[in-house]
């Protein structure tokens, strides 16, 4: 038995930038254990498996795995999988149009294909679950996990400062605003501190971010890093599920009762995989009603995996 796969660099327009994704096409017949083993073999931040949809009105069922665990939802796997299927032009005998809809454990995920005259260039998803705010964490705990001084986290006294907070659009992350991009750059995740203070049942990981203030090489509004060692990802190059929730958090923190937030986020620069994500959030009468994340993609490899 041979499985066909493609790989995509997501949230970048430069090959070998962005976040790597492997997409296993027509994965019918694979059980969960085998999917997990294949994801570990690829050892990318995530691997997706494309299956026939339960409802023929949808495009496909998509399952998402890190090297260690299955996720109910993730951003760059959806963007990259939609892009990969759009390049193929057809999935399970049906043409791929300008939008696709994936069945996932977190719910239905609609994804809009972005195109130019030469073909697909990327995608933008709408998060499957409503934005939610969770508990706050002590700055000292988050600082220990990130390997920075507690004073490096802006909890008050600066625009946008807040206590480290759990937020989610399907996958919970801890969000901490650093006092400067330099603090973000010098963070060094402490895996022992993560194991002690942030079990997987609490959150997938931590996003440490700061206003870029003109420091980002790609002109982004925000510079960010995401750490998720308990899920086998010490640092992620581009994290759609985190940054779509960050957009919701920033909209929620905005003093305006209604807003349409659009922000660009630079991630992965220090890893040598520069990424640029476009995050959006709509707030109406004090409630965040919708969040979206998108960006460019680049095809990289295609091949087959032998299971004989």
Protein backbone atom coordinates (compact mmCIF):
# COMPACT_ATOMS: atom_id res chain seq x y z
CA UNK A 1 0.00 0.00 0.00
CA UNK A 2 1.34 3.43 -0.95
CA UNK A 3 0.06 6.76 0.32
CA UNK A 4 0.34 9.89 -1.79
CA UNK A 5 1.37 13.05 0.01
CA UNK A 6 2.33 16.64 -0.72
CA UNK A 7 4.13 19.15 1.45
CA UNK A 8 3.44 22.86 1.65
CA UNK A 9 5.13 25.83 3.29
CA UNK A 10 2.29 27.80 4.88
CA UNK A 11 2.03 31.52 5.73
CA UNK A 12 4.86 32.49 3.41
CA UNK A 13 5.48 33.35 -0.23
CA UNK A 14 9.07 32.07 -0.02
CA UNK A 15 9.91 28.40 -0.41
CA UNK A 16 11.53 27.01 2.77
CA UNK A 17 9.93 29.75 4.84
CA UNK A 18 6.70 29.58 6.82
CA UNK A 19 5.42 26.48 8.57
CA UNK A 20 5.88 23.06 7.01
CA UNK A 21 2.84 20.86 6.47
CA UNK A 22 2.49 17.38 5.08
CA UNK A 23 -0.88 16.50 3.54
CA UNK A 24 -1.69 12.81 3.14
CA UNK A 25 -4.23 12.50 0.35
CA UNK A 26 -7.09 9.97 0.32
CA UNK A 27 -6.22 8.51 3.72
CA UNK A 28 -9.15 6.10 3.91
CA UNK A 29 -8.34 2.88 5.74
CA UNK A 30 -5.77 4.38 8.10
CA UNK A 31 -6.52 4.01 11.81
CA UNK A 32 -5.64 6.62 14.43
CA UNK A 33 -2.52 4.79 15.60
CA UNK A 34 -1.11 4.62 12.08
CA UNK A 35 -1.92 8.27 11.42
CA UNK A 36 -0.03 9.20 14.58
CA UNK A 37 2.96 7.11 13.50
CA UNK A 38 2.99 8.76 10.07
CA UNK A 39 2.86 12.23 11.66
CA UNK A 40 5.80 11.28 13.88
CA UNK A 41 7.69 10.04 10.81
CA UNK A 42 7.22 13.37 9.01
CA UNK A 43 8.05 15.19 12.26
CA UNK A 44 6.53 18.43 11.00
CA UNK A 45 4.56 20.60 13.41
CA UNK A 46 1.42 19.05 11.89
CA UNK A 47 0.39 16.47 9.32
CA UNK A 48 -3.13 16.30 7.88
CA UNK A 49 -5.05 13.30 6.58
CA UNK A 50 -7.73 13.89 3.96
CA UNK A 51 -10.74 11.56 4.12
CA UNK A 52 -14.12 11.42 2.35
CA UNK A 53 -16.67 13.65 4.10
CA UNK A 54 -19.51 12.17 6.14
CA UNK A 55 -21.79 14.75 4.49
CA UNK A 56 -21.30 14.95 0.71
CA UNK A 57 -22.15 18.65 0.89
CA UNK A 58 -18.73 19.17 2.52
CA UNK A 59 -15.36 18.92 0.80
CA UNK A 60 -13.56 16.42 3.04
CA UNK A 61 -12.96 15.22 6.55
CA UNK A 62 -9.56 16.41 7.75
CA UNK A 63 -7.70 14.99 10.74
CA UNK A 64 -4.73 16.88 12.17
CA UNK A 65 -1.80 15.38 14.07
CA UNK A 66 1.32 16.80 15.71
CA UNK A 67 4.19 14.33 16.22
CA UNK A 68 2.66 13.50 19.61
CA UNK A 69 -1.11 14.02 19.51
CA UNK A 70 -4.22 14.66 17.44
CA UNK A 71 -5.66 18.18 17.47
CA UNK A 72 -9.33 19.12 17.05
CA UNK A 73 -8.40 22.18 14.97
CA UNK A 74 -5.31 24.05 13.84
CA UNK A 75 -4.75 27.00 11.56
CA UNK A 76 -1.83 26.33 9.23
CA UNK A 77 -2.98 22.74 8.50
CA UNK A 78 -6.34 24.02 7.27
CA UNK A 79 -4.83 26.81 5.19
CA UNK A 80 -2.19 24.49 3.71
CA UNK A 81 -4.58 21.60 3.07
CA UNK A 82 -7.06 23.88 1.31
CA UNK A 83 -4.23 25.28 -0.83
CA UNK A 84 -2.98 21.78 -1.68
CA UNK A 85 -6.45 20.58 -2.72
CA UNK A 86 -7.02 23.73 -4.77
CA UNK A 87 -3.80 23.01 -6.66
CA UNK A 88 -5.01 19.48 -7.37
CA UNK A 89 -8.29 20.94 -8.62
CA UNK A 90 -10.38 17.95 -7.59
CA UNK A 91 -11.00 15.89 -4.47
CA UNK A 92 -13.13 12.74 -4.21
CA UNK A 93 -14.43 13.31 -7.72
CA UNK A 94 -15.58 16.89 -7.10
CA UNK A 95 -13.96 20.10 -8.37
CA UNK A 96 -12.42 22.42 -5.79
CA UNK A 97 -13.99 25.87 -6.08
CA UNK A 98 -13.28 29.16 -4.36
CA UNK A 99 -14.32 27.83 -0.95
CA UNK A 100 -13.96 24.46 0.75
CA UNK A 101 -15.50 23.14 3.95
CA UNK A 102 -13.71 20.62 6.14
CA UNK A 103 -15.25 18.32 8.74
CA UNK A 104 -13.02 18.35 11.84
CA UNK A 105 -13.30 17.41 15.49
CA UNK A 106 -13.81 21.08 16.38
CA UNK A 107 -16.63 21.44 13.86
CA UNK A 108 -17.01 22.59 10.27
CA UNK A 109 -14.16 24.77 9.02
CA UNK A 110 -14.88 26.98 5.98
CA UNK A 111 -11.78 28.02 4.04
CA UNK A 112 -11.62 30.57 1.23
CA UNK A 113 -9.08 29.89 -1.52
CA UNK A 114 -6.96 32.89 -2.53
CA UNK A 115 -5.99 32.95 -6.21
CA UNK A 116 -4.09 34.94 -8.78
CA UNK A 117 -4.16 34.59 -12.56
CA UNK A 118 -1.54 31.83 -12.26
CA UNK A 119 -3.49 29.75 -9.74
CA UNK A 120 -3.96 29.31 -5.98
CA UNK A 121 -1.71 31.49 -3.81
CA UNK A 122 -3.00 30.79 -0.30
CA UNK A 123 -6.14 30.55 1.79
CA UNK A 124 -8.09 32.13 4.65
CA UNK A 125 -10.16 30.24 7.20
CA UNK A 126 -12.96 31.22 9.53
CA UNK A 127 -12.51 29.65 12.96
CA UNK A 128 -14.99 26.84 13.64
CA UNK A 129 -15.76 27.82 17.21
CA UNK A 130 -16.63 31.11 18.86
CA UNK A 131 -13.86 33.10 20.52
CA UNK A 132 -13.70 32.44 24.26
CA UNK A 133 -11.68 33.91 27.10
CA UNK A 134 -10.41 31.64 29.85
CA UNK A 135 -8.49 32.02 33.08
CA UNK A 136 -5.53 34.29 33.71
CA UNK A 137 -2.12 32.97 34.72
CA UNK A 138 0.52 34.59 36.89
CA UNK A 139 3.16 36.44 34.91
CA UNK A 140 5.86 34.64 36.91
CA UNK A 141 4.63 31.24 35.72
CA UNK A 142 4.49 32.27 32.06
CA UNK A 143 7.89 33.96 32.31
CA UNK A 144 9.40 30.76 33.73
CA UNK A 145 7.99 28.74 30.83
CA UNK A 146 9.35 31.23 28.31
CA UNK A 147 12.74 31.62 30.00
CA UNK A 148 12.43 35.38 30.49
CA UNK A 149 12.31 37.69 33.49
CA UNK A 150 8.81 38.32 34.94
CA UNK A 151 9.24 42.02 34.29
CA UNK A 152 9.40 41.26 30.58
CA UNK A 153 5.65 40.63 30.49
CA UNK A 154 3.49 43.75 30.19
CA UNK A 155 0.62 43.27 32.62
CA UNK A 156 -0.36 46.93 33.06
CA UNK A 157 0.62 50.48 32.21
CA UNK A 158 1.18 50.06 28.47
CA UNK A 159 -1.22 50.05 25.52
CA UNK A 160 -2.58 46.54 25.09
CA UNK A 161 -0.98 45.23 28.29
CA UNK A 162 -2.89 42.49 30.10
CA UNK A 163 -2.44 39.61 32.48
CA UNK A 164 -1.39 36.42 30.69
CA UNK A 165 -4.71 34.96 29.57
CA UNK A 166 -6.03 31.76 28.03
CA UNK A 167 -8.09 32.33 24.89
CA UNK A 168 -9.39 29.99 22.22
CA UNK A 169 -11.10 29.72 18.85
CA UNK A 170 -11.11 25.94 19.05
CA UNK A 171 -7.68 25.31 20.59
CA UNK A 172 -6.68 27.07 23.85
CA UNK A 173 -3.42 29.01 24.11
CA UNK A 174 -1.95 31.27 26.77
CA UNK A 175 -1.32 34.79 25.48
CA UNK A 176 1.29 37.03 27.08
CA UNK A 177 2.19 40.52 25.88
CA UNK A 178 5.92 41.22 26.18
CA UNK A 179 7.30 44.66 26.93
CA UNK A 180 9.26 44.75 23.66
CA UNK A 181 10.15 42.72 20.56
CA UNK A 182 13.59 42.20 22.11
CA UNK A 183 12.03 40.30 25.01
CA UNK A 184 10.19 38.09 22.54
CA UNK A 185 13.43 37.43 20.65
CA UNK A 186 15.41 36.34 23.70
CA UNK A 187 12.79 33.93 25.07
CA UNK A 188 14.05 30.38 25.53
CA UNK A 189 11.26 27.89 26.30
CA UNK A 190 11.89 25.76 29.39
CA UNK A 191 10.35 22.34 28.77
CA UNK A 192 10.52 21.41 32.46
CA UNK A 193 8.59 24.53 33.41
CA UNK A 194 5.97 23.74 30.78
CA UNK A 195 5.58 20.21 32.14
CA UNK A 196 5.21 21.57 35.67
CA UNK A 197 2.95 24.58 35.09
CA UNK A 198 1.09 24.07 31.81
CA UNK A 199 -0.29 20.55 31.32
CA UNK A 200 -1.94 19.78 27.97
CA UNK A 201 -5.36 19.87 29.62
CA UNK A 202 -4.85 23.59 30.37
CA UNK A 203 -3.60 24.89 27.02
CA UNK A 204 -1.68 23.74 23.98
CA UNK A 205 1.07 26.29 24.50
CA UNK A 206 2.05 29.92 24.98
CA UNK A 207 2.10 32.76 22.48
CA UNK A 208 4.50 35.51 23.53
CA UNK A 209 3.99 38.61 21.43
CA UNK A 210 4.69 42.33 21.28
CA UNK A 211 3.84 45.27 19.03
CA UNK A 212 6.54 45.22 16.37
CA UNK A 213 7.02 49.01 16.43
CA UNK A 214 8.70 48.91 13.04
CA UNK A 215 11.15 46.16 14.02
CA UNK A 216 9.67 43.32 11.95
CA UNK A 217 11.55 42.72 8.68
CA UNK A 218 8.27 42.10 6.85
CA UNK A 219 6.57 45.24 8.17
CA UNK A 220 4.16 43.28 10.38
CA UNK A 221 2.19 44.93 13.17
CA UNK A 222 3.08 42.26 15.75
CA UNK A 223 6.06 39.99 16.35
CA UNK A 224 5.27 36.67 18.01
CA UNK A 225 6.64 33.29 19.02
CA UNK A 226 4.63 30.19 19.98
CA UNK A 227 5.89 27.39 22.22
CA UNK A 228 4.07 24.05 22.61
CA UNK A 229 6.61 21.48 23.90
CA UNK A 230 3.98 19.29 25.56
CA UNK A 231 2.61 18.62 22.07
CA UNK A 232 6.01 17.87 20.55
CA UNK A 233 6.52 21.37 19.13
CA UNK A 234 9.17 23.25 21.10
CA UNK A 235 8.64 26.28 18.86
CA UNK A 236 6.24 26.70 15.95
CA UNK A 237 7.11 28.71 12.85
CA UNK A 238 3.54 29.92 12.20
CA UNK A 239 0.48 29.13 14.28
CA UNK A 240 -2.90 29.92 12.79
CA UNK A 241 -4.99 28.55 15.67
CA UNK A 242 -3.09 30.73 18.15
CA UNK A 243 -3.04 33.89 16.08
CA UNK A 244 -6.70 33.71 15.14
CA UNK A 245 -7.44 33.66 18.89
CA UNK A 246 -4.95 36.51 19.39
CA UNK A 247 -7.01 38.57 16.95
CA UNK A 248 -10.09 37.81 19.03
CA UNK A 249 -8.26 38.77 22.22
CA UNK A 250 -7.04 42.08 20.79
CA UNK A 251 -10.56 42.88 19.59
CA UNK A 252 -11.96 41.98 23.01
CA UNK A 253 -9.41 44.25 24.73
CA UNK A 254 -10.23 47.15 22.41
CA UNK A 255 -12.29 49.72 24.28
CA UNK A 256 -14.57 50.24 21.29
CA UNK A 257 -17.85 48.37 21.50
CA UNK A 258 -17.67 47.38 17.84
CA UNK A 259 -14.62 47.01 15.62
CA UNK A 260 -13.27 45.19 12.58
CA UNK A 261 -9.69 44.34 13.47
CA UNK A 262 -7.10 43.38 10.86
CA UNK A 263 -3.51 42.82 11.96
CA UNK A 264 -0.39 41.23 10.49
CA UNK A 265 1.78 38.95 12.63
CA UNK A 266 5.41 38.03 12.04
CA UNK A 267 6.50 34.64 13.39
CA UNK A 268 9.30 32.12 12.84
CA UNK A 269 12.00 34.68 11.99
CA UNK A 270 14.48 33.46 14.60
CA UNK A 271 13.94 29.88 13.41
CA UNK A 272 14.97 30.77 9.88
CA UNK A 273 11.40 30.20 8.68
CA UNK A 274 9.92 33.70 8.42
CA UNK A 275 6.13 33.69 8.35
CA UNK A 276 3.49 36.35 7.88
CA UNK A 277 -0.10 35.79 9.02
CA UNK A 278 -3.10 38.05 8.46
CA UNK A 279 -5.49 37.82 11.42
CA UNK A 280 -8.96 39.35 11.55
CA UNK A 281 -11.68 39.70 14.17
CA UNK A 282 -15.14 41.28 14.12
CA UNK A 283 -16.65 42.65 17.33
CA UNK A 284 -20.27 43.77 17.59
CA UNK A 285 -21.76 45.39 20.70
CA UNK A 286 -18.94 44.15 22.90
CA UNK A 287 -18.91 40.55 21.61
CA UNK A 288 -16.33 39.04 19.27
CA UNK A 289 -18.53 37.48 16.59
CA UNK A 290 -16.05 36.06 14.05
CA UNK A 291 -12.31 35.46 13.67
CA UNK A 292 -10.28 34.62 10.57
CA UNK A 293 -6.67 33.79 9.68
CA UNK A 294 -4.99 33.58 6.30
CA UNK A 295 -1.83 33.89 4.28
CA UNK A 296 0.20 32.74 1.31
CA UNK A 297 1.41 29.18 0.67
CA UNK A 298 4.15 27.61 -1.43
CA UNK A 299 4.20 24.00 -2.73
CA UNK A 300 7.40 22.11 -1.90
CA UNK A 301 7.32 18.31 -2.34
CA UNK A 302 5.13 15.48 -3.49
CA UNK A 303 5.67 11.76 -3.21
CA UNK A 304 4.47 8.46 -1.83
CA UNK A 305 4.94 6.57 1.42
CA UNK A 306 5.09 2.78 1.39
CA UNK A 307 3.12 0.90 4.05
CA UNK A 308 3.82 -2.60 2.72
